[in-house]
Amino acid sequence: MSQLEPNNHYSPVAKMLHWLVAGMIVLQFVLAKMADIASDEGSAVRELALLANHKSVGITILALAIVRLVWRQKNQPPALPDAIPQWQVTASQLSHWSLYALLFAMPITGWLMSSASAYSVSWFNLFQLPVFVAPNPEAKEVFQETHETLSKLLVLVATVHIGAAIKHALIDKDRVLQRMVSTVSVVAFAVTVALGVSWLGAAGTNSDTALTAAPAEADFVSSAITSALPIWQIDYAASYIKFVGDQAGAAFEGSWESWSADLQFSSEQLGDSAFDVIVDATSAETQDNDRDVTLADPEWFDSVNFPEAYFRASNFSATDGGHIADGQLIIKNLASPVKLAFTIVADGDARVLNGTAQLDRLALGVGIGEWEDTEWVGKDVTVEVHVEAFVND
């Protein structure tokens, strides 16, 4: 067959979807390889940025695969020429449906792997996607192995698919390949790969954020604030200090697992009140070991050299809904002013304190160097405090 009838061609929409997805698949493998190189070079921010873009492209492929499948159901593809043997027709159908299955399975397993790693997924830092599984190291390993296996299978199936298309074009010369080719769609493929590599592949290479508010050297790290008020007896099992940050456009949560506090407070005696909190800087827990290890690095809390952080306040004021503790947060022997807004519910001798503080990690000197790039790790951190205690007056 030397020529195909016009109605034997795929529609322009089908062609565009096919080549856009093909370009993104190529881009995915390039981004993954670039992330591996960044990891080998020790560039943690670049690796994070490349993997974040890799996930975003994967979600885009999933969305386009859904669109493409819906379009295919409503617009049946043209039949293959009658001269093609039935076994090749069957092989073509098997290849196509295998590719569809992989286009769904790969992004989904990557999404689940990220969720199981306590890394929420965002779409190009614009909005966060739902989390479908709780953090679980064992599940992460299963999803990761499955994702990597599927990537190898995708390479195999795509290679067979491309080889068959070349065979039809160069050996059979039956113009089957032309059914899915148009100048616009092929240009879209090339542009997707080229712009994707140049734009998304450059992520994490530059930082336009500078540390503008360096904290001051603390002058009372070893001294505690004293007060005549009774010290609260804290139920540490029922209390916590948590934090919420932003990573690649998605929120993550963590907590300090080890801390102690001397809380002395009376709403009638604000001038005599005092908070003295000591946090074990080595006890950060974010449900991901790699992130926990990073938080201990010198660019972050440098917990080897500075194993403790402090919050101390002796200046309190009342608000309409509660109180403000105006104190100092001391990290790496550097002190920064911090305001803790809190409420207290009293029931006899029992006390329940709930408080929040909005922190700027750069102003605290936390996450410096390459981590000052706030595009990939946000500078704003929310700390949430919950304390259950009783007081012997």
Foldseek 3Di string as FASTA:
>chain_A
DQDDDPLLFDDPVLLQLVLLLVLLLVLLVVLVVLLVVCVVVVQVQLNLLSVLQSLLSLVVLQVSLVVNVVVCVVPPHHDDDPPDDPVVVVVVVVLVVLLSVLSNLQSVLVCQLCLLQQHFHDNQLPATDDRDDHHDVVSNVVSVVVNVVSSVVNVVSVVVVVVVLVCCVPPVVPCSNVSSDDPVSNVSSVCSNVCSCVPSVCPLVDAPFDLDAAFAFADAPPHADDFPAFWWAWPLVPKFKKKWWAFLNDIFIKTQNDKDWGWGDDPVCLQRTKIKIKTQQLRIDRSHPVVSVVCCDPQAQVCVVPRIKIWIFSHKDADPAAIKTFTWIAGPSGTDTWIKGWHWDDDAQKIKIKIKTKFQRSNNSGQDDSRSRCNGINRIMMMIIIIITGGDD
